[in-house]
Amino acid sequence: MLYAEMPTRRLRQTAADLLAAAWVGAWAWIAVKVYRWVGSLAAVGDTVHKRGQSLATDLDQTAAKLRDIPLVGDRAADPLAQAADAARSLAAAGRTESNLVHDLAVLIVILIVIGPVGLIVVSWLPRRLRWVTDATAASRLRHAPGGADLLALRALANQPLRTLARLDLAPLKAWQHGESTTVRTLANLELRRLGLRPAPTNTTQLDNRAPHTTLDMR
């Protein structure tokens, strides 16, 4: 069961789910945009790297040709070889800058996921899953023989004291003595708390039951 049976509760759940999905979607869109924008800053480093590599290759090729010239080839090629080394160093610096920018973009995306998206996951998802689990179990108990007893016991634990005080009989004592009307009322209170419809009277099977064993409420 994903949504409540009562219209008002179901509407609130649907709205909350849509807001949560919109929140996650919006921050995912922002994360992609930020990643692309920050990543675009790496274009400078990529350009420096490519041009440095290209320049180093051209200088190496020119130096190699100069070395073939007798007598003066080596002396003429040495400055070009040094320039090629400098170009390679420049290319390496460009690659380092590009990598740093990409790492920064990834870090920003992670912070966005951990921050706003993580907030909605931590605050909304556990409660939503807990409701699904509780409502599914309560829906099954609603139609199960003796299920009203468990729902009533759950109501004694979950309902506010002011709600229990409005019952005609002392709720715990009535539950212990198997008072069918009170047990049914308590069971329906628990179902209503979860946004579920009351249990059909013909399926509660509350009549002619033995009193419950006294609970140790300490």
N, C-alpha and C. Protein backbone atom coordinates (compact mmCIF):
# COMPACT_ATOMS: atom_id res chain seq x y z
N MET A 1 0.85 -1.19 0.00
CA MET A 1 0.00 0.00 0.00
C MET A 1 0.88 1.24 0.00
N LEU A 2 0.69 2.09 -1.01
CA LEU A 2 1.52 3.28 -1.14
C LEU A 2 0.83 4.55 -0.66
N TYR A 3 -0.51 4.57 -0.71
CA TYR A 3 -1.23 5.78 -0.33
C TYR A 3 -2.40 5.44 0.58
N ALA A 4 -2.79 6.42 1.38
CA ALA A 4 -3.89 6.23 2.32
C ALA A 4 -5.22 6.09 1.58
N GLU A 5 -6.19 5.51 2.28
CA GLU A 5 -7.52 5.35 1.70
C GLU A 5 -8.38 6.59 1.91
N MET A 6 -8.14 7.33 2.99
CA MET A 6 -8.90 8.54 3.26
C MET A 6 -8.44 9.66 2.32
N PRO A 7 -9.37 10.34 1.66
CA PRO A 7 -9.01 11.30 0.61
C PRO A 7 -8.05 12.40 1.08
N THR A 8 -8.31 12.96 2.25
CA THR A 8 -7.47 14.07 2.71
C THR A 8 -6.04 13.62 2.94
N ARG A 9 -5.87 12.49 3.61
CA ARG A 9 -4.53 11.97 3.88
C ARG A 9 -3.85 11.58 2.56
N ARG A 10 -4.60 10.98 1.66
CA ARG A 10 -4.02 10.58 0.37
C ARG A 10 -3.58 11.80 -0.43
N LEU A 11 -4.37 12.87 -0.37
CA LEU A 11 -4.00 14.10 -1.08
C LEU A 11 -2.72 14.69 -0.51
N ARG A 12 -2.60 14.70 0.82
CA ARG A 12 -1.38 15.22 1.45
C ARG A 12 -0.17 14.37 1.06
N GLN A 13 -0.34 13.06 1.06
CA GLN A 13 0.78 12.18 0.69
C GLN A 13 1.19 12.40 -0.76
N THR A 14 0.20 12.51 -1.64
CA THR A 14 0.51 12.74 -3.06
C THR A 14 1.25 14.05 -3.25
N ALA A 15 0.77 15.10 -2.56
CA ALA A 15 1.43 16.40 -2.67
C ALA A 15 2.86 16.34 -2.14
N ALA A 16 3.04 15.65 -1.01
CA ALA A 16 4.39 15.53 -0.44
C ALA A 16 5.31 14.76 -1.37
N ASP A 17 4.80 13.68 -1.98
CA ASP A 17 5.62 12.91 -2.91
C ASP A 17 6.01 13.74 -4.13
N LEU A 18 5.06 14.51 -4.64
CA LEU A 18 5.35 15.35 -5.81
C LEU A 18 6.37 16.43 -5.46
N LEU A 19 6.21 17.02 -4.27
CA LEU A 19 7.17 18.04 -3.84
C LEU A 19 8.56 17.45 -3.67
N ALA A 20 8.62 16.25 -3.07
CA ALA A 20 9.92 15.59 -2.89
C ALA A 20 10.56 15.28 -4.23
N ALA A 21 9.76 14.77 -5.17
CA ALA A 21 10.30 14.47 -6.50
C ALA A 21 10.75 15.74 -7.21
N ALA A 22 9.96 16.82 -7.07
CA ALA A 22 10.33 18.08 -7.69
C ALA A 22 11.61 18.64 -7.07
N TRP A 23 11.72 18.51 -5.75
CA TRP A 23 12.92 18.99 -5.05
C TRP A 23 14.16 18.26 -5.55
N VAL A 24 14.07 16.93 -5.59
CA VAL A 24 15.22 16.13 -6.05
C VAL A 24 15.52 16.45 -7.51
N GLY A 25 14.47 16.53 -8.34
CA GLY A 25 14.68 16.83 -9.75
C GLY A 25 15.31 18.20 -9.97
N ALA A 26 14.86 19.19 -9.19
CA ALA A 26 15.41 20.54 -9.34
C ALA A 26 16.88 20.59 -8.98
N TRP A 27 17.23 19.94 -7.88
CA TRP A 27 18.64 19.95 -7.47
C TRP A 27 19.50 19.09 -8.39
N ALA A 28 18.92 18.04 -8.96
CA ALA A 28 19.67 17.27 -9.95
C ALA A 28 19.95 18.12 -11.18
N TRP A 29 18.95 18.90 -11.60
CA TRP A 29 19.14 19.81 -12.74
C TRP A 29 20.21 20.85 -12.42
N ILE A 30 20.14 21.41 -11.21
CA ILE A 30 21.15 22.39 -10.80
C ILE A 30 22.54 21.76 -10.78
N ALA A 31 22.62 20.53 -10.27
CA ALA A 31 23.92 19.85 -10.20
C ALA A 31 24.51 19.66 -11.59
N VAL A 32 23.66 19.27 -12.55
CA VAL A 32 24.15 19.07 -13.92
C VAL A 32 24.62 20.40 -14.51
N LYS A 33 23.83 21.45 -14.30
CA LYS A 33 24.21 22.77 -14.83
C LYS A 33 25.52 23.25 -14.22
N VAL A 34 25.65 23.11 -12.91
CA VAL A 34 26.88 23.55 -12.23
C VAL A 34 28.07 22.74 -12.72
N TYR A 35 27.88 21.43 -12.87
CA TYR A 35 28.97 20.58 -13.33
C TYR A 35 29.43 21.01 -14.73
N ARG A 36 28.47 21.27 -15.60
CA ARG A 36 28.85 21.68 -16.96
C ARG A 36 29.53 23.04 -16.97
N TRP A 37 29.02 23.97 -16.12
CA TRP A 37 29.61 25.30 -16.10
C TRP A 37 31.03 25.26 -15.55
N VAL A 38 31.20 24.57 -14.41
CA VAL A 38 32.54 24.46 -13.83
C VAL A 38 33.45 23.68 -14.77
N GLY A 39 32.89 22.61 -15.37
CA GLY A 39 33.68 21.82 -16.30
C GLY A 39 34.13 22.61 -17.51
N SER A 40 33.32 23.60 -17.91
CA SER A 40 33.72 24.41 -19.07
C SER A 40 34.97 25.23 -18.79
N LEU A 41 35.22 25.52 -17.51
CA LEU A 41 36.43 26.26 -17.15
C LEU A 41 37.69 25.44 -17.44
N ALA A 42 37.51 24.13 -17.54
CA ALA A 42 38.66 23.28 -17.84
C ALA A 42 39.09 23.39 -19.30
N ALA A 43 38.28 24.07 -20.11
CA ALA A 43 38.64 24.21 -21.53
C ALA A 43 39.95 24.96 -21.71
N VAL A 44 40.21 25.91 -20.80
CA VAL A 44 41.48 26.65 -20.88
C VAL A 44 42.65 25.71 -20.69
N GLY A 45 42.57 24.88 -19.65
CA GLY A 45 43.63 23.92 -19.40
C GLY A 45 43.78 22.92 -20.53
N ASP A 46 42.65 22.47 -21.08
CA ASP A 46 42.72 21.52 -22.20
C ASP A 46 43.39 22.16 -23.42
N THR A 47 43.07 23.43 -23.66
CA THR A 47 43.68 24.12 -24.80
C THR A 47 45.18 24.27 -24.61
N VAL A 48 45.58 24.66 -23.39
CA VAL A 48 47.01 24.80 -23.11
C VAL A 48 47.72 23.47 -23.28
N HIS A 49 47.08 22.39 -22.80
CA HIS A 49 47.68 21.06 -22.91
C HIS A 49 47.85 20.66 -24.37
N LYS A 50 46.81 20.82 -25.17
CA LYS A 50 46.89 20.41 -26.58
C LYS A 50 47.92 21.23 -27.35
N ARG A 51 47.89 22.54 -27.13
CA ARG A 51 48.84 23.38 -27.87
C ARG A 51 50.27 23.16 -27.40
N GLY A 52 50.43 22.92 -26.11
CA GLY A 52 51.77 22.62 -25.60
C GLY A 52 52.31 21.33 -26.18
N GLN A 53 51.46 20.31 -26.24
CA GLN A 53 51.86 19.04 -26.82
C GLN A 53 52.18 19.19 -28.30
N SER A 54 51.35 19.95 -29.01
CA SER A 54 51.58 20.15 -30.44
C SER A 54 52.88 20.91 -30.69
N LEU A 55 53.11 21.95 -29.87
CA LEU A 55 54.34 22.73 -30.02
C LEU A 55 55.56 21.88 -29.72
N ALA A 56 55.49 21.07 -28.67
CA ALA A 56 56.62 20.21 -28.31
C ALA A 56 56.91 19.22 -29.43
N THR A 57 55.88 18.67 -30.04
CA THR A 57 56.07 17.73 -31.15
C THR A 57 56.74 18.42 -32.34
N ASP A 58 56.26 19.62 -32.67
CA ASP A 58 56.86 20.34 -33.79
C ASP A 58 58.32 20.68 -33.52
N LEU A 59 58.62 21.12 -32.29
CA LEU A 59 60.00 21.46 -31.95
C LEU A 59 60.89 20.23 -31.98
N ASP A 60 60.38 19.11 -31.49
CA ASP A 60 61.17 17.87 -31.52
C ASP A 60 61.48 17.45 -32.96
N GLN A 61 60.48 17.56 -33.81
CA GLN A 61 60.70 17.19 -35.21
C GLN A 61 61.71 18.12 -35.89
N THR A 62 61.61 19.40 -35.58
CA THR A 62 62.56 20.36 -36.16
C THR A 62 63.96 20.11 -35.63
N ALA A 63 64.07 19.85 -34.33
CA ALA A 63 65.38 19.57 -33.74
C ALA A 63 65.99 18.32 -34.34
N ALA A 64 65.16 17.31 -34.58
CA ALA A 64 65.67 16.07 -35.17
C ALA A 64 66.22 16.31 -36.57
N LYS A 65 65.57 17.16 -37.33
CA LYS A 65 66.07 17.48 -38.67
C LYS A 65 67.39 18.27 -38.60
N LEU A 66 67.46 19.19 -37.62
CA LEU A 66 68.69 19.98 -37.49
C LEU A 66 69.88 19.10 -37.10
N ARG A 67 69.64 18.08 -36.33
CA ARG A 67 70.73 17.21 -35.88
C ARG A 67 71.37 16.46 -37.06
N ASP A 68 70.64 16.36 -38.15
CA ASP A 68 71.19 15.69 -39.33
C ASP A 68 72.21 16.57 -40.07
N ILE A 69 72.25 17.85 -39.71
CA ILE A 69 73.21 18.75 -40.36
C ILE A 69 74.59 18.54 -39.74
N PRO A 70 75.57 18.27 -40.52
CA PRO A 70 76.91 18.04 -39.97
C PRO A 70 77.46 19.27 -39.23
N LEU A 71 78.27 19.00 -38.23
CA LEU A 71 79.02 20.00 -37.47
C LEU A 71 78.12 20.88 -36.58
N VAL A 72 77.20 21.59 -37.14
CA VAL A 72 76.42 22.57 -36.36
C VAL A 72 75.05 22.06 -35.96
N GLY A 73 74.72 20.85 -36.39
CA GLY A 73 73.36 20.36 -36.16
C GLY A 73 72.99 20.25 -34.69
N ASP A 74 73.89 19.66 -33.89
CA ASP A 74 73.58 19.47 -32.47
C ASP A 74 73.42 20.80 -31.75
N ARG A 75 74.34 21.74 -32.06
CA ARG A 75 74.25 23.03 -31.38
C ARG A 75 72.97 23.77 -31.76
N ALA A 76 72.60 23.65 -32.99
CA ALA A 76 71.37 24.32 -33.43
C ALA A 76 70.12 23.64 -32.87
N ALA A 77 70.21 22.33 -32.65
CA ALA A 77 69.03 21.59 -32.19
C ALA A 77 68.82 21.71 -30.69
N ASP A 78 69.89 21.94 -29.92
CA ASP A 78 69.75 21.98 -28.45
C ASP A 78 68.75 23.02 -27.97
N PRO A 79 68.79 24.27 -28.46
CA PRO A 79 67.78 25.24 -28.00
C PRO A 79 66.35 24.80 -28.32
N LEU A 80 66.18 24.18 -29.47
CA LEU A 80 64.84 23.70 -29.82
C LEU A 80 64.39 22.56 -28.91
N ALA A 81 65.35 21.70 -28.55
CA ALA A 81 65.02 20.61 -27.63
C ALA A 81 64.62 21.16 -26.27
N GLN A 82 65.34 22.20 -25.82
CA GLN A 82 64.99 22.82 -24.54
C GLN A 82 63.61 23.49 -24.62
N ALA A 83 63.35 24.12 -25.76
CA ALA A 83 62.03 24.73 -25.94
C ALA A 83 60.94 23.67 -25.96
N ALA A 84 61.24 22.52 -26.54
CA ALA A 84 60.26 21.42 -26.56
C ALA A 84 59.98 20.93 -25.15
N ASP A 85 61.03 20.84 -24.31
CA ASP A 85 60.82 20.44 -22.92
C ASP A 85 59.94 21.46 -22.19
N ALA A 86 60.19 22.75 -22.46
CA ALA A 86 59.37 23.79 -21.84
C ALA A 86 57.91 23.67 -22.30
N ALA A 87 57.72 23.37 -23.57
CA ALA A 87 56.36 23.21 -24.09
C ALA A 87 55.66 22.02 -23.44
N ARG A 88 56.42 20.94 -23.21
CA ARG A 88 55.83 19.78 -22.53
C ARG A 88 55.47 20.11 -21.09
N SER A 89 56.31 20.91 -20.43
CA SER A 89 55.99 21.33 -19.06
C SER A 89 54.72 22.17 -19.04
N LEU A 90 54.59 23.05 -20.04
CA LEU A 90 53.38 23.86 -20.15
C LEU A 90 52.15 22.99 -20.40
N ALA A 91 52.32 21.99 -21.25
CA ALA A 91 51.21 21.07 -21.52
C ALA A 91 50.81 20.31 -20.26
N ALA A 92 51.80 19.89 -19.48
CA ALA A 92 51.52 19.17 -18.23
C ALA A 92 50.78 20.08 -17.25
N ALA A 93 51.18 21.36 -17.19
CA ALA A 93 50.49 22.30 -16.32
C ALA A 93 49.04 22.48 -16.75
N GLY A 94 48.81 22.54 -18.07
CA GLY A 94 47.45 22.65 -18.57
C GLY A 94 46.62 21.44 -18.21
N ARG A 95 47.22 20.25 -18.33
CA ARG A 95 46.51 19.02 -17.95
C ARG A 95 46.18 19.01 -16.46
N THR A 96 47.12 19.45 -15.63
CA THR A 96 46.88 19.51 -14.18
C THR A 96 45.73 20.46 -13.86
N GLU A 97 45.74 21.62 -14.50
CA GLU A 97 44.67 22.60 -14.26
C GLU A 97 43.32 22.03 -14.69
N SER A 98 43.29 21.34 -15.82
CA SER A 98 42.05 20.75 -16.31
C SER A 98 41.54 19.69 -15.34
N ASN A 99 42.44 18.85 -14.84
CA ASN A 99 42.03 17.81 -13.89
C ASN A 99 41.50 18.40 -12.60
N LEU A 100 42.13 19.47 -12.13
CA LEU A 100 41.68 20.12 -10.90
C LEU A 100 40.27 20.68 -11.07
N VAL A 101 40.02 21.28 -12.22
CA VAL A 101 38.69 21.84 -12.47
C VAL A 101 37.64 20.73 -12.52
N HIS A 102 37.96 19.63 -13.18
CA HIS A 102 37.02 18.50 -13.23
C HIS A 102 36.78 17.94 -11.83
N ASP A 103 37.82 17.82 -11.03
CA ASP A 103 37.66 17.33 -9.66
C ASP A 103 36.78 18.28 -8.85
N LEU A 104 36.97 19.58 -9.06
CA LEU A 104 36.15 20.57 -8.36
C LEU A 104 34.69 20.44 -8.76
N ALA A 105 34.44 20.22 -10.04
CA ALA A 105 33.06 20.06 -10.51
C ALA A 105 32.40 18.84 -9.87
N VAL A 106 33.14 17.74 -9.79
CA VAL A 106 32.61 16.53 -9.15
C VAL A 106 32.34 16.77 -7.68
N LEU A 107 33.25 17.47 -7.00
CA LEU A 107 33.07 17.76 -5.58
C LEU A 107 31.82 18.60 -5.34
N ILE A 108 31.60 19.59 -6.19
CA ILE A 108 30.41 20.43 -6.04
C ILE A 108 29.14 19.60 -6.22
N VAL A 109 29.14 18.71 -7.20
CA VAL A 109 27.97 17.85 -7.41
C VAL A 109 27.73 16.96 -6.20
N ILE A 110 28.80 16.42 -5.63
CA ILE A 110 28.66 15.57 -4.44
C ILE A 110 28.07 16.36 -3.28
N LEU A 111 28.54 17.60 -3.10
CA LEU A 111 28.02 18.44 -2.02
C LEU A 111 26.54 18.75 -2.23
N ILE A 112 26.16 18.95 -3.48
CA ILE A 112 24.74 19.20 -3.77
C ILE A 112 23.91 17.97 -3.44
N VAL A 113 24.42 16.80 -3.80
CA VAL A 113 23.68 15.56 -3.53
C VAL A 113 23.58 15.31 -2.02
N ILE A 114 24.70 15.49 -1.32
CA ILE A 114 24.71 15.23 0.13
C ILE A 114 23.87 16.27 0.87
N GLY A 115 23.88 17.50 0.37
CA GLY A 115 23.18 18.58 1.05
C GLY A 115 21.68 18.56 0.81
N PRO A 116 21.19 19.31 -0.18
CA PRO A 116 19.74 19.41 -0.39
C PRO A 116 19.06 18.08 -0.68
N VAL A 117 19.65 17.27 -1.56
CA VAL A 117 19.03 15.98 -1.89
C VAL A 117 19.10 15.04 -0.69
N GLY A 118 20.24 15.01 -0.01
CA GLY A 118 20.36 14.16 1.17
C GLY A 118 19.38 14.56 2.26
N LEU A 119 19.11 15.86 2.37
CA LEU A 119 18.17 16.34 3.39
C LEU A 119 16.78 15.77 3.17
N ILE A 120 16.30 15.80 1.94
CA ILE A 120 14.96 15.28 1.67
C ILE A 120 14.93 13.77 1.84
N VAL A 121 16.01 13.09 1.47
CA VAL A 121 16.05 11.64 1.62
C VAL A 121 16.01 11.25 3.10
N VAL A 122 16.77 11.96 3.92
CA VAL A 122 16.83 11.63 5.35
C VAL A 122 15.54 12.01 6.07
N SER A 123 14.95 13.15 5.72
CA SER A 123 13.79 13.64 6.46
C SER A 123 12.46 13.08 5.96
N TRP A 124 12.37 12.77 4.67
CA TRP A 124 11.09 12.35 4.10
C TRP A 124 11.02 10.85 3.84
N LEU A 125 12.04 10.28 3.26
CA LEU A 125 11.97 8.89 2.82
C LEU A 125 11.76 7.90 3.97
N PRO A 126 12.48 8.00 5.11
CA PRO A 126 12.24 7.03 6.19
C PRO A 126 10.80 7.06 6.70
N ARG A 127 10.24 8.25 6.88
CA ARG A 127 8.85 8.34 7.35
C ARG A 127 7.88 7.77 6.33
N ARG A 128 8.19 8.01 5.06
CA ARG A 128 7.30 7.49 4.00
C ARG A 128 7.34 5.97 3.98
N LEU A 129 8.51 5.39 4.08
CA LEU A 129 8.64 3.93 4.08
C LEU A 129 8.02 3.33 5.34
N ARG A 130 8.18 4.02 6.48
CA ARG A 130 7.58 3.51 7.71
C ARG A 130 6.06 3.50 7.61
N TRP A 131 5.50 4.55 7.01
CA TRP A 131 4.05 4.56 6.84
C TRP A 131 3.60 3.43 5.92
N VAL A 132 4.30 3.22 4.81
CA VAL A 132 3.93 2.14 3.89
C VAL A 132 3.94 0.80 4.61
N THR A 133 4.97 0.57 5.42
CA THR A 133 5.06 -0.70 6.16
C THR A 133 3.93 -0.84 7.16
N ASP A 134 3.69 0.21 7.95
CA ASP A 134 2.64 0.16 8.98
C ASP A 134 1.26 0.05 8.36
N ALA A 135 1.01 0.82 7.30
CA ALA A 135 -0.31 0.81 6.69
C ALA A 135 -0.60 -0.54 6.02
N THR A 136 0.41 -1.12 5.39
CA THR A 136 0.22 -2.43 4.75
C THR A 136 -0.12 -3.49 5.80
N ALA A 137 0.62 -3.47 6.91
CA ALA A 137 0.35 -4.44 7.98
C ALA A 137 -1.03 -4.21 8.59
N ALA A 138 -1.39 -2.94 8.83
CA ALA A 138 -2.69 -2.64 9.42
C ALA A 138 -3.83 -3.03 8.50
N SER A 139 -3.64 -2.83 7.20
CA SER A 139 -4.68 -3.21 6.24
C SER A 139 -4.92 -4.72 6.25
N ARG A 140 -3.86 -5.48 6.41
CA ARG A 140 -4.03 -6.93 6.48
C ARG A 140 -4.70 -7.34 7.79
N LEU A 141 -4.28 -6.71 8.89
CA LEU A 141 -4.88 -7.04 10.18
C LEU A 141 -6.36 -6.66 10.22
N ARG A 142 -6.72 -5.63 9.51
CA ARG A 142 -8.11 -5.15 9.51
C ARG A 142 -9.08 -6.25 9.09
N HIS A 143 -8.65 -7.11 8.19
CA HIS A 143 -9.52 -8.17 7.67
C HIS A 143 -9.17 -9.55 8.26
N ALA A 144 -8.22 -9.61 9.15
CA ALA A 144 -7.80 -10.90 9.71
C ALA A 144 -8.55 -11.18 11.01
N PRO A 145 -8.87 -12.45 11.26
CA PRO A 145 -9.49 -12.80 12.54
C PRO A 145 -8.57 -12.41 13.70
N GLY A 146 -9.13 -11.70 14.65
CA GLY A 146 -8.33 -11.26 15.79
C GLY A 146 -7.44 -10.08 15.51
N GLY A 147 -7.46 -9.58 14.28
CA GLY A 147 -6.60 -8.46 13.94
C GLY A 147 -6.98 -7.19 14.68
N ALA A 148 -8.27 -7.04 14.99
CA ALA A 148 -8.71 -5.85 15.72
C ALA A 148 -8.05 -5.76 17.08
N ASP A 149 -7.77 -6.90 17.70
CA ASP A 149 -7.11 -6.89 19.01
C ASP A 149 -5.73 -6.25 18.91
N LEU A 150 -4.98 -6.64 17.89
CA LEU A 150 -3.64 -6.09 17.73
C LEU A 150 -3.70 -4.61 17.37
N LEU A 151 -4.66 -4.24 16.53
CA LEU A 151 -4.81 -2.83 16.19
C LEU A 151 -5.20 -2.02 17.41
N ALA A 152 -6.06 -2.58 18.26
CA ALA A 152 -6.45 -1.88 19.48
C ALA A 152 -5.25 -1.70 20.41
N LEU A 153 -4.45 -2.74 20.53
CA LEU A 153 -3.25 -2.64 21.37
C LEU A 153 -2.30 -1.59 20.81
N ARG A 154 -2.20 -1.54 19.50
CA ARG A 154 -1.35 -0.53 18.86
C ARG A 154 -1.89 0.87 19.14
N ALA A 155 -3.21 1.00 19.14
CA ALA A 155 -3.81 2.30 19.43
C ALA A 155 -3.52 2.74 20.86
N LEU A 156 -3.55 1.79 21.79
CA LEU A 156 -3.23 2.13 23.18
C LEU A 156 -1.82 2.69 23.30
N ALA A 157 -0.92 2.22 22.44
CA ALA A 157 0.46 2.69 22.50
C ALA A 157 0.68 3.98 21.72
N ASN A 158 -0.12 4.21 20.67
CA ASN A 158 0.15 5.33 19.77
C ASN A 158 -0.77 6.53 19.95
N GLN A 159 -2.00 6.30 20.37
CA GLN A 159 -2.94 7.40 20.45
C GLN A 159 -2.60 8.35 21.60
N PRO A 160 -2.84 9.65 21.41
CA PRO A 160 -2.63 10.60 22.51
C PRO A 160 -3.54 10.28 23.69
N LEU A 161 -3.07 10.60 24.88
CA LEU A 161 -3.85 10.32 26.08
C LEU A 161 -5.20 11.03 26.06
N ARG A 162 -5.24 12.25 25.52
CA ARG A 162 -6.51 12.98 25.48
C ARG A 162 -7.54 12.27 24.61
N THR A 163 -7.06 11.57 23.57
CA THR A 163 -7.98 10.81 22.72
C THR A 163 -8.51 9.59 23.45
N LEU A 164 -7.62 8.88 24.15
CA LEU A 164 -8.05 7.70 24.90
C LEU A 164 -8.97 8.09 26.04
N ALA A 165 -8.75 9.26 26.63
CA ALA A 165 -9.57 9.69 27.77
C ALA A 165 -11.00 9.98 27.36
N ARG A 166 -11.24 10.22 26.08
CA ARG A 166 -12.60 10.52 25.63
C ARG A 166 -13.45 9.27 25.45
N LEU A 167 -12.84 8.09 25.52
CA LEU A 167 -13.61 6.85 25.39
C LEU A 167 -14.48 6.65 26.62
N ASP A 168 -15.61 5.97 26.42
CA ASP A 168 -16.57 5.80 27.51
C ASP A 168 -16.00 4.99 28.65
N LEU A 169 -15.23 3.94 28.34
CA LEU A 169 -14.66 3.07 29.37
C LEU A 169 -13.17 3.31 29.45
N ALA A 170 -12.59 2.93 30.58
CA ALA A 170 -11.14 2.98 30.69
C ALA A 170 -10.57 2.07 29.61
N PRO A 171 -9.82 2.61 28.65
CA PRO A 171 -9.44 1.82 27.47
C PRO A 171 -8.65 0.56 27.80
N LEU A 172 -7.68 0.66 28.66
CA LEU A 172 -6.85 -0.50 28.94
C LEU A 172 -7.66 -1.59 29.63
N LYS A 173 -8.48 -1.18 30.61
CA LYS A 173 -9.29 -2.17 31.32
C LYS A 173 -10.30 -2.81 30.37
N ALA A 174 -10.89 -2.00 29.51
CA ALA A 174 -11.86 -2.54 28.55
C ALA A 174 -11.18 -3.51 27.59
N TRP A 175 -9.98 -3.17 27.17
CA TRP A 175 -9.25 -4.07 26.27
C TRP A 175 -8.91 -5.37 26.97
N GLN A 176 -8.51 -5.28 28.24
CA GLN A 176 -8.15 -6.48 29.00
C GLN A 176 -9.35 -7.40 29.19
N HIS A 177 -10.55 -6.81 29.31
CA HIS A 177 -11.75 -7.61 29.53
C HIS A 177 -12.45 -7.98 28.23
N GLY A 178 -11.82 -7.66 27.12
CA GLY A 178 -12.39 -8.06 25.84
C GLY A 178 -13.66 -7.32 25.48
N GLU A 179 -13.80 -6.07 25.92
CA GLU A 179 -14.98 -5.27 25.59
C GLU A 179 -14.98 -4.99 24.09
N SER A 180 -15.91 -5.62 23.38
CA SER A 180 -15.86 -5.59 21.92
C SER A 180 -16.01 -4.19 21.35
N THR A 181 -16.90 -3.40 21.93
CA THR A 181 -17.12 -2.05 21.40
C THR A 181 -15.87 -1.20 21.53
N THR A 182 -15.24 -1.27 22.70
CA THR A 182 -14.03 -0.48 22.93
C THR A 182 -12.88 -0.96 22.05
N VAL A 183 -12.75 -2.29 21.94
CA VAL A 183 -11.68 -2.83 21.09
C VAL A 183 -11.88 -2.38 19.65
N ARG A 184 -13.13 -2.42 19.18
CA ARG A 184 -13.40 -1.99 17.82
C ARG A 184 -13.11 -0.50 17.65
N THR A 185 -13.47 0.28 18.66
CA THR A 185 -13.21 1.72 18.60
C THR A 185 -11.72 2.00 18.57
N LEU A 186 -10.96 1.30 19.41
CA LEU A 186 -9.51 1.48 19.43
C LEU A 186 -8.89 1.07 18.10
N ALA A 187 -9.35 -0.05 17.57
CA ALA A 187 -8.81 -0.52 16.29
C ALA A 187 -9.06 0.50 15.19
N ASN A 188 -10.27 1.07 15.19
CA ASN A 188 -10.58 2.07 14.16
C ASN A 188 -9.80 3.36 14.36
N LEU A 189 -9.49 3.69 15.62
CA LEU A 189 -8.64 4.85 15.87
C LEU A 189 -7.26 4.66 15.24
N GLU A 190 -6.72 3.46 15.38
CA GLU A 190 -5.41 3.19 14.80
C GLU A 190 -5.47 3.21 13.27
N LEU A 191 -6.53 2.64 12.72
CA LEU A 191 -6.69 2.67 11.27
C LEU A 191 -6.84 4.11 10.77
N ARG A 192 -7.61 4.91 11.50
CA ARG A 192 -7.80 6.30 11.11
C ARG A 192 -6.49 7.08 11.21
N ARG A 193 -5.68 6.75 12.21
CA ARG A 193 -4.38 7.43 12.35
C ARG A 193 -3.52 7.22 11.12
N LEU A 194 -3.64 6.06 10.50
CA LEU A 194 -2.87 5.73 9.31
C LEU A 194 -3.57 6.16 8.02
N GLY A 195 -4.76 6.73 8.15
CA GLY A 195 -5.49 7.15 6.96
C GLY A 195 -6.23 6.02 6.28
N LEU A 196 -6.55 4.95 7.02
CA LEU A 196 -7.26 3.81 6.46
C LEU A 196 -8.71 3.82 6.90
N ARG A 197 -9.55 3.15 6.13
CA ARG A 197 -10.96 3.07 6.47
C ARG A 197 -11.16 2.14 7.67
N PRO A 198 -12.23 2.34 8.43
CA PRO A 198 -12.50 1.45 9.57
C PRO A 198 -12.71 0.01 9.12
N ALA A 199 -12.46 -0.90 10.03
CA ALA A 199 -12.65 -2.32 9.72
C ALA A 199 -14.13 -2.64 9.61
N PRO A 200 -14.53 -3.45 8.63
CA PRO A 200 -15.93 -3.88 8.54
C PRO A 200 -16.33 -4.61 9.81
N THR A 201 -17.54 -4.36 10.28
CA THR A 201 -17.99 -4.95 11.55
C THR A 201 -18.02 -6.46 11.48
N ASN A 202 -18.38 -7.01 10.33
CA ASN A 202 -18.52 -8.47 10.23
C ASN A 202 -17.19 -9.19 10.15
N THR A 203 -16.06 -8.44 10.08
CA THR A 203 -14.77 -9.11 10.00
C THR A 203 -13.94 -8.91 11.25
N THR A 204 -14.48 -8.14 12.21
CA THR A 204 -13.67 -7.89 13.40
C THR A 204 -13.64 -9.09 14.33
N GLN A 205 -14.75 -9.89 14.33
CA GLN A 205 -14.78 -11.12 15.11
C GLN A 205 -14.38 -10.86 16.56
N LEU A 206 -15.17 -9.97 17.19
CA LEU A 206 -14.82 -9.57 18.55
C LEU A 206 -15.71 -10.22 19.60
N ASP A 207 -16.83 -10.77 19.18
CA ASP A 207 -17.78 -11.27 20.16
C ASP A 207 -17.36 -12.61 20.72
N ASN A 208 -17.87 -12.87 21.95
CA ASN A 208 -17.64 -14.17 22.60
C ASN A 208 -16.16 -14.49 22.72
N ARG A 209 -15.38 -13.52 23.12
CA ARG A 209 -13.95 -13.74 23.28
C ARG A 209 -13.61 -13.76 24.75
N ALA A 210 -12.55 -14.46 25.08
CA ALA A 210 -12.08 -14.47 26.47
C ALA A 210 -11.35 -13.17 26.75
N PRO A 211 -11.36 -12.72 28.00
CA PRO A 211 -10.63 -11.50 28.35
C PRO A 211 -9.15 -11.66 28.04
N HIS A 212 -8.48 -10.52 27.78
CA HIS A 212 -7.06 -10.54 27.52
C HIS A 212 -6.28 -10.69 28.81
N THR A 213 -5.11 -11.25 28.68
CA THR A 213 -4.20 -11.33 29.81
C THR A 213 -3.73 -9.94 30.18
N THR A 214 -3.67 -9.67 31.45
CA THR A 214 -3.23 -8.35 31.91
C THR A 214 -1.82 -8.07 31.42
N LEU A 215 -1.63 -6.88 30.89
CA LEU A 215 -0.32 -6.49 30.37
C LEU A 215 0.50 -5.84 31.45
N ASP A 216 1.77 -6.10 31.40
CA ASP A 216 2.71 -5.39 32.27
C ASP A 216 3.11 -4.11 31.55
N MET A 217 2.57 -2.97 31.98
CA MET A 217 2.77 -1.69 31.30
C MET A 217 3.97 -0.94 31.83
N ARG A 218 4.75 -1.58 32.70
CA ARG A 218 5.92 -0.89 33.25
C ARG A 218 6.98 -0.74 32.19
